[in-house]
């Protein structure tokens, strides 16, 4: 957190005073109110001080409702930074958001303030909000702001990927994560393989989850590289990129191993021990075909066109119609199982 606060200090907004348009209509209205009250008092008898006091309160209400007094309720940048440094992240989140909303969209000041909000979002483990805030901070022209935003986005995307893997949990310490990774991944893949694989337009929940993990971790690596390009001395960004790349590679290796095991299992189930490929095929294929016809060509008419086992009905089979949309079999290739298809689709989307 100290690095994030230091980044905020390096690009503190120039000038802490804001130019606020002063609405002067109230000062022109005040004399009219005074004259109205005076004419009312002159037309009646003198009354106790409560009437004069009420009139003064009316005038003070006009003054207190001025834009200068309302603007004083906004937090200041030092207050927001102090809340972040004291780890009062909820207050810091609100303060930075209030300050950012006072600035124009896509302005440099707003981008810098959104970096502070993104840091508070991340510390509160609100990773969806942090991703949105870091995205706005990336619009800054200041290289220091953009580098910090790339670094924060890399951390956020890695956490989002881990949350998909661990059912919403945040990334623990390195030792616990290394011990739990294989178990979590195996559980997610088993759930994925046992559920309906869906279609090309509507992938299953398991496939969508695996895609999100790979995409988030791949983007985490890219953002860490972008942060290092702007500031090569950012060791934290380099470490986070290496961590995301490590788990992304382990995920790919696990998927490839799973695919090889399933292919070997399918090939083993298709052949019996001691049986040659194709042995025993074709036995009894002609039984029952063409009732009343002699089995021996010598008995009767002899060999007919329909005796060809490739054309049992004596007709040339029509070629299979093309399927440009690949709707037959839900985008499944010939001889491909549901598990093979799911792994293939995931690898295609990851590249």
Protein backbone atom coordinates (compact mmCIF):
# COMPACT_ATOMS: atom_id res chain seq x y z
CA UNK A 1 0.00 0.00 0.00
CA UNK A 2 2.90 2.33 0.68
CA UNK A 3 3.89 2.16 -2.99
CA UNK A 4 0.37 3.09 -4.07
CA UNK A 5 0.34 6.09 -1.73
CA UNK A 6 3.78 7.12 -2.96
CA UNK A 7 2.48 7.01 -6.51
CA UNK A 8 -0.36 9.29 -5.53
CA UNK A 9 2.08 11.77 -3.98
CA UNK A 10 4.16 11.88 -7.14
CA UNK A 11 1.34 13.28 -9.20
CA UNK A 12 -0.57 15.42 -6.66
CA UNK A 13 -2.91 17.81 -8.35
CA UNK A 14 -1.49 21.20 -9.14
CA UNK A 15 -3.18 23.74 -6.94
CA UNK A 16 -5.67 22.76 -4.26
CA UNK A 17 -8.06 25.64 -4.85
CA UNK A 18 -10.93 25.19 -7.26
CA UNK A 19 -12.51 27.81 -9.44
CA UNK A 20 -16.22 27.85 -8.67
CA UNK A 21 -18.65 30.02 -10.57
CA UNK A 22 -20.18 32.51 -8.13
CA UNK A 23 -23.90 33.00 -8.50
CA UNK A 24 -24.60 36.69 -7.70
CA UNK A 25 -28.35 36.68 -8.05
CA UNK A 26 -28.68 36.29 -4.28
CA UNK A 27 -26.90 39.61 -3.64
CA UNK A 28 -29.31 41.41 -5.97
CA UNK A 29 -32.20 39.65 -4.28
CA UNK A 30 -31.11 40.62 -0.75
CA UNK A 31 -31.85 44.41 -1.06
CA UNK A 32 -35.29 43.62 -2.45
CA UNK A 33 -36.00 41.39 0.54
CA UNK A 34 -34.78 44.11 2.91
CA UNK A 35 -37.02 46.70 1.26
CA UNK A 36 -39.94 44.32 1.42
CA UNK A 37 -39.41 43.75 5.12
CA UNK A 38 -38.92 47.49 5.73
CA UNK A 39 -42.14 48.41 3.94
CA UNK A 40 -43.97 45.83 5.98
CA UNK A 41 -42.57 47.21 9.22
CA UNK A 42 -43.35 50.84 8.31
CA UNK A 43 -46.95 50.00 7.57
CA UNK A 44 -47.57 48.43 10.95
CA UNK A 45 -46.86 49.11 14.60
CA UNK A 46 -43.55 48.29 16.13
CA UNK A 47 -43.27 44.68 17.14
CA UNK A 48 -41.01 42.81 19.54
CA UNK A 49 -37.47 41.81 18.62
CA UNK A 50 -38.57 38.37 17.48
CA UNK A 51 -39.77 39.85 14.19
CA UNK A 52 -36.45 41.53 13.52
CA UNK A 53 -34.65 38.35 14.55
CA UNK A 54 -36.75 36.33 12.11
CA UNK A 55 -35.88 38.75 9.32
CA UNK A 56 -32.18 38.43 10.09
CA UNK A 57 -32.49 34.66 10.03
CA UNK A 58 -34.08 34.87 6.60
CA UNK A 59 -31.16 36.90 5.31
CA UNK A 60 -28.62 34.58 6.92
CA UNK A 61 -30.33 31.64 5.20
CA UNK A 62 -29.66 33.26 1.86
CA UNK A 63 -26.01 33.66 2.69
CA UNK A 64 -25.55 30.13 4.07
CA UNK A 65 -27.06 28.59 0.97
CA UNK A 66 -24.42 30.14 -1.28
CA UNK A 67 -22.25 27.82 -3.43
CA UNK A 68 -19.13 28.71 -1.40
CA UNK A 69 -20.62 27.22 1.76
CA UNK A 70 -21.87 24.12 -0.07
CA UNK A 71 -18.46 23.55 -1.63
CA UNK A 72 -16.87 23.52 1.80
CA UNK A 73 -18.57 20.16 2.48
CA UNK A 74 -16.43 18.39 -0.14
CA UNK A 75 -13.38 16.50 1.14
CA UNK A 76 -9.91 17.64 0.23
CA UNK A 77 -7.21 15.64 -1.48
CA UNK A 78 -5.00 15.58 1.67
CA UNK A 79 -7.96 14.17 3.62
CA UNK A 80 -8.51 11.43 1.05
CA UNK A 81 -4.82 10.55 1.04
CA UNK A 82 -4.75 10.49 4.83
CA UNK A 83 -7.67 8.06 4.88
CA UNK A 84 -5.83 5.81 2.43
CA UNK A 85 -2.61 5.91 4.45
CA UNK A 86 -4.47 5.11 7.69
CA UNK A 87 -6.11 2.13 5.94
CA UNK A 88 -9.57 3.63 6.28
CA UNK A 89 -10.36 2.34 2.82
CA UNK A 90 -14.12 2.84 2.92
CA UNK A 91 -13.71 6.56 3.70
CA UNK A 92 -10.93 6.89 1.12
CA UNK A 93 -13.10 5.22 -1.50
CA UNK A 94 -15.91 7.70 -0.94
CA UNK A 95 -13.63 10.75 -0.76
CA UNK A 96 -11.75 9.98 -3.97
CA UNK A 97 -15.02 9.28 -5.75
CA UNK A 98 -16.50 12.59 -4.58
CA UNK A 99 -13.44 14.51 -5.71
CA UNK A 100 -13.36 12.70 -9.07
CA UNK A 101 -17.02 13.47 -9.74
CA UNK A 102 -16.23 17.19 -9.49
CA UNK A 103 -13.85 16.92 -12.45
CA UNK A 104 -14.61 16.66 -16.14
CA UNK A 105 -14.75 13.18 -17.69
CA UNK A 106 -11.46 11.99 -19.21
CA UNK A 107 -9.59 14.91 -17.64
CA UNK A 108 -6.12 14.48 -16.19
CA UNK A 109 -7.30 15.37 -12.68
CA UNK A 110 -10.11 12.82 -12.78
CA UNK A 111 -7.75 10.09 -13.98
CA UNK A 112 -5.38 10.78 -11.08
CA UNK A 113 -8.20 10.76 -8.53
CA UNK A 114 -9.62 7.51 -9.95
CA UNK A 115 -6.25 5.89 -9.29
CA UNK A 116 -6.76 6.65 -5.60
CA UNK A 117 -10.27 5.23 -5.69
CA UNK A 118 -9.03 2.11 -7.49
CA UNK A 119 -6.46 1.53 -4.76
CA UNK A 120 -9.19 1.73 -2.11
CA UNK A 121 -11.44 -0.56 -4.19
CA UNK A 122 -8.69 -3.14 -4.43
CA UNK A 123 -7.96 -3.03 -0.70
CA UNK A 124 -11.65 -3.58 -0.01
CA UNK A 125 -11.49 -6.63 -2.34
CA UNK A 126 -14.09 -5.06 -4.60
CA UNK A 127 -12.22 -6.24 -7.69
CA UNK A 128 -15.01 -5.47 -10.16
CA UNK A 129 -15.06 -1.83 -9.01
CA UNK A 130 -11.26 -1.74 -8.99
CA UNK A 131 -11.10 -2.90 -12.61
CA UNK A 132 -13.46 -0.10 -13.64
CA UNK A 133 -11.55 2.54 -11.66
CA UNK A 134 -8.16 1.44 -13.00
CA UNK A 135 -9.59 1.60 -16.51
CA UNK A 136 -10.38 5.28 -16.02
CA UNK A 137 -6.95 5.92 -14.53
CA UNK A 138 -5.37 4.44 -17.66
CA UNK A 139 -6.64 7.44 -19.65
CA UNK A 140 -4.10 9.72 -17.95
CA UNK A 141 -1.27 11.25 -19.95
CA UNK A 142 1.08 11.20 -16.97
CA UNK A 143 3.31 8.15 -17.35
CA UNK A 144 3.51 7.69 -13.59
CA UNK A 145 -0.27 7.50 -13.31
CA UNK A 146 -0.53 5.08 -16.23
CA UNK A 147 2.23 2.86 -14.92
CA UNK A 148 0.59 2.63 -11.49
CA UNK A 149 -2.77 1.96 -13.17
CA UNK A 150 -1.29 -0.86 -15.31
CA UNK A 151 0.27 -2.39 -12.22
CA UNK A 152 -2.99 -2.19 -10.26
CA UNK A 153 -4.96 -3.60 -13.19
CA UNK A 154 -2.56 -6.54 -13.39
CA UNK A 155 -3.12 -7.32 -9.71
CA UNK A 156 -6.87 -6.96 -10.08
CA UNK A 157 -7.14 -9.27 -13.10
CA UNK A 158 -5.04 -11.93 -11.42
CA UNK A 159 -7.36 -11.79 -8.39
CA UNK A 160 -10.42 -12.05 -10.64
CA UNK A 161 -8.96 -15.15 -12.27
CA UNK A 162 -8.17 -16.72 -8.92
CA UNK A 163 -11.69 -15.94 -7.69
CA UNK A 164 -13.09 -17.92 -10.66
CA UNK A 165 -10.87 -20.83 -9.71
CA UNK A 166 -11.50 -20.70 -5.93
CA UNK A 167 -15.22 -19.90 -6.00
CA UNK A 168 -14.90 -16.25 -5.02
CA UNK A 169 -11.95 -16.46 -2.63
CA UNK A 170 -9.02 -14.07 -2.92
CA UNK A 171 -5.48 -15.20 -3.60
CA UNK A 172 -3.88 -16.40 -0.32
CA UNK A 173 -0.18 -16.35 0.46
CA UNK A 174 2.18 -18.03 -1.99
CA UNK A 175 2.67 -21.29 -0.06
CA UNK A 176 -1.03 -21.92 0.51
CA UNK A 177 -1.82 -21.04 -3.11
CA UNK A 178 0.78 -23.50 -4.43
CA UNK A 179 -0.70 -26.27 -2.28
CA UNK A 180 -4.32 -25.58 -3.24
CA UNK A 181 -3.90 -24.83 -6.94
CA UNK A 182 -3.85 -28.41 -8.28
CA UNK A 183 -6.78 -29.42 -6.09
CA UNK A 184 -8.87 -26.41 -7.13
CA UNK A 185 -8.06 -26.85 -10.80
CA UNK A 186 -8.89 -30.55 -10.75
CA UNK A 187 -12.22 -29.82 -9.11
CA UNK A 188 -13.12 -27.15 -11.67
CA UNK A 189 -12.17 -29.41 -14.58
CA UNK A 190 -14.18 -32.35 -13.23
CA UNK A 191 -17.23 -30.13 -12.89
CA UNK A 192 -16.66 -28.86 -16.41
CA UNK A 193 -16.33 -32.31 -17.97
CA UNK A 194 -19.42 -33.74 -16.29
CA UNK A 195 -21.81 -30.96 -17.26
CA UNK A 196 -23.53 -30.34 -20.56
CA UNK A 197 -21.04 -28.76 -22.96
CA UNK A 198 -23.65 -26.40 -24.43
CA UNK A 199 -23.32 -24.99 -27.92
CA UNK A 200 -21.03 -22.64 -29.80
CA UNK A 201 -23.36 -19.69 -29.09
CA UNK A 202 -24.05 -20.62 -25.48
CA UNK A 203 -21.04 -22.30 -23.87
CA UNK A 204 -21.44 -24.16 -20.61
CA UNK A 205 -20.72 -22.55 -17.25
CA UNK A 206 -17.59 -24.66 -16.84
CA UNK A 207 -16.19 -23.64 -20.22
CA UNK A 208 -17.01 -19.99 -19.54
CA UNK A 209 -15.25 -20.19 -16.19
CA UNK A 210 -12.09 -21.71 -17.67
CA UNK A 211 -12.09 -19.08 -20.40
CA UNK A 212 -12.38 -16.28 -17.84
CA UNK A 213 -9.46 -17.65 -15.85
CA UNK A 214 -7.19 -17.83 -18.89
CA UNK A 215 -8.24 -14.45 -20.27
CA UNK A 216 -7.85 -12.64 -16.93
CA UNK A 217 -4.41 -14.12 -16.29
CA UNK A 218 -3.26 -13.46 -19.85
CA UNK A 219 -4.34 -9.82 -19.55
CA UNK A 220 -2.65 -9.61 -16.15
CA UNK A 221 0.65 -10.53 -17.81
CA UNK A 222 0.13 -7.91 -20.53
CA UNK A 223 -0.64 -5.12 -18.05
CA UNK A 224 2.42 -5.93 -15.97
CA UNK A 225 4.53 -5.70 -19.12
CA UNK A 226 2.99 -2.31 -19.94
CA UNK A 227 3.76 -1.08 -16.42
CA UNK A 228 7.39 -2.12 -16.80
CA UNK A 229 7.68 -0.40 -20.16
CA UNK A 230 6.71 2.89 -18.51
CA UNK A 231 8.73 2.32 -15.34
CA UNK A 232 11.33 -0.45 -15.63
CA UNK A 233 12.21 -0.11 -11.94
CA UNK A 234 8.81 -1.40 -10.77
CA UNK A 235 9.84 -4.65 -9.12
CA UNK A 236 6.32 -5.29 -7.83
CA UNK A 237 4.89 -5.24 -11.37
CA UNK A 238 7.59 -7.65 -12.52
CA UNK A 239 6.83 -10.06 -9.68
CA UNK A 240 3.09 -9.96 -10.31
CA UNK A 241 3.57 -10.61 -14.01
CA UNK A 242 5.81 -13.59 -13.25
CA UNK A 243 3.20 -14.98 -10.84
CA UNK A 244 0.37 -14.70 -13.38
CA UNK A 245 2.55 -16.25 -16.10
CA UNK A 246 3.48 -19.14 -13.76
CA UNK A 247 -0.11 -20.13 -13.01
CA UNK A 248 -1.19 -19.58 -16.60
CA UNK A 249 1.48 -22.02 -17.77
CA UNK A 250 0.46 -24.57 -15.13
CA UNK A 251 -3.12 -24.30 -16.29
CA UNK A 252 -2.18 -24.96 -19.91
CA UNK A 253 0.01 -27.91 -18.98
CA UNK A 254 -2.80 -29.45 -16.94
CA UNK A 255 -5.23 -29.06 -19.81
CA UNK A 256 -2.87 -30.68 -22.31
CA UNK A 257 -2.23 -33.59 -19.95
CA UNK A 258 -5.95 -34.07 -19.41
CA UNK A 259 -6.55 -34.13 -23.15
CA UNK A 260 -3.83 -36.73 -23.75
CA UNK A 261 -5.19 -38.97 -20.99
CA UNK A 262 -8.71 -38.84 -22.41
CA UNK A 263 -7.51 -39.61 -25.94
CA UNK A 264 -5.51 -42.61 -24.71
CA UNK A 265 -8.48 -43.85 -22.71
CA UNK A 266 -10.79 -43.62 -25.71
CA UNK A 267 -8.37 -45.49 -27.96
CA UNK A 268 -8.01 -48.24 -25.34
CA UNK A 269 -11.76 -48.69 -25.07
CA UNK A 270 -12.15 -49.10 -28.86
CA UNK A 271 -9.92 -52.21 -29.09
CA UNK A 272 -10.18 -55.53 -27.25
CA UNK A 273 -7.00 -57.32 -26.07
CA UNK A 274 -5.48 -59.47 -28.83
CA UNK A 275 -7.82 -58.09 -31.49
CA UNK A 276 -6.41 -56.55 -34.62
CA UNK A 277 -7.96 -53.34 -35.87
CA UNK A 278 -10.94 -54.21 -38.09
CA UNK A 279 -10.98 -57.92 -37.08
CA UNK A 280 -14.44 -59.47 -36.95
CA UNK A 281 -16.12 -56.66 -38.81
CA UNK A 282 -18.71 -57.50 -41.43
CA UNK A 283 -19.85 -60.83 -39.91
CA UNK A 284 -23.54 -61.35 -40.38
CA UNK A 285 -24.05 -58.08 -42.21
CA UNK A 286 -26.10 -59.74 -44.99
CA UNK A 287 -28.42 -61.61 -42.66
CA UNK A 288 -31.93 -60.34 -43.01
CA UNK A 289 -31.15 -58.12 -46.00
CA UNK A 290 -33.52 -58.78 -48.91
CA UNK A 291 -35.95 -61.30 -47.50
CA UNK A 292 -36.76 -64.25 -49.84
CA UNK A 293 -33.53 -63.86 -51.84
CA UNK A 294 -31.18 -66.88 -52.05
CA UNK A 295 -27.99 -66.53 -50.06
CA UNK A 296 -25.91 -68.35 -52.65
CA UNK A 297 -25.45 -66.55 -55.96
CA UNK A 298 -25.77 -69.92 -57.71
CA UNK A 299 -29.31 -70.31 -56.45
CA UNK A 300 -31.55 -67.96 -58.34
CA UNK A 301 -30.68 -64.82 -60.23
CA UNK A 302 -27.06 -64.61 -59.40
CA UNK A 303 -25.25 -61.55 -58.14
CA UNK A 304 -27.32 -58.37 -58.15
CA UNK A 305 -26.34 -54.76 -57.77
CA UNK A 306 -27.67 -54.72 -54.23
CA UNK A 307 -25.27 -57.50 -53.12
CA UNK A 308 -22.43 -55.01 -52.77
CA UNK A 309 -21.98 -54.60 -48.98
CA UNK A 310 -21.07 -50.94 -49.56
CA UNK A 311 -24.42 -50.41 -51.30
CA UNK A 312 -26.83 -52.86 -49.60
CA UNK A 313 -29.89 -51.27 -51.21
CA UNK A 314 -28.41 -51.11 -54.70
CA UNK A 315 -28.34 -47.29 -54.57
CA UNK A 316 -25.48 -44.89 -54.62
CA UNK A 317 -25.46 -43.05 -51.27
CA UNK A 318 -25.97 -39.32 -51.50
CA UNK A 319 -23.04 -37.19 -50.38
CA UNK A 320 -23.44 -35.59 -46.99
CA UNK A 321 -24.68 -32.03 -47.19
CA UNK A 322 -22.28 -29.31 -46.24
CA UNK A 323 -22.73 -27.70 -42.85
CA UNK A 324 -21.11 -24.26 -43.09
CA UNK A 325 -22.37 -23.25 -39.64
CA UNK A 326 -21.14 -26.46 -38.09
CA UNK A 327 -24.43 -26.97 -36.30
CA UNK A 328 -24.40 -30.77 -36.47
CA UNK A 329 -23.07 -32.21 -33.25
CA UNK A 330 -22.69 -28.76 -31.66
CA UNK A 331 -19.43 -27.91 -33.42
CA UNK A 332 -18.12 -31.41 -32.72
CA UNK A 333 -15.63 -32.89 -35.17
CA UNK A 334 -15.92 -36.49 -36.43
CA UNK A 335 -14.62 -38.94 -33.86
CA UNK A 336 -14.26 -36.20 -31.25
CA UNK A 337 -15.70 -36.68 -27.77
CA UNK A 338 -17.40 -33.98 -25.75
CA UNK A 339 -14.32 -33.67 -23.55
CA UNK A 340 -11.98 -33.30 -26.53
CA UNK A 341 -14.26 -30.70 -28.06
CA UNK A 342 -14.41 -28.69 -24.83
CA UNK A 343 -10.64 -28.66 -24.46
CA UNK A 344 -10.19 -27.72 -28.12
CA UNK A 345 -12.63 -24.81 -27.84
CA UNK A 346 -10.93 -23.53 -24.71
CA UNK A 347 -7.49 -23.62 -26.34
CA UNK A 348 -8.85 -21.88 -29.44
CA UNK A 349 -10.30 -19.07 -27.34
CA UNK A 350 -7.11 -18.75 -25.31
CA UNK A 351 -4.89 -18.17 -28.35
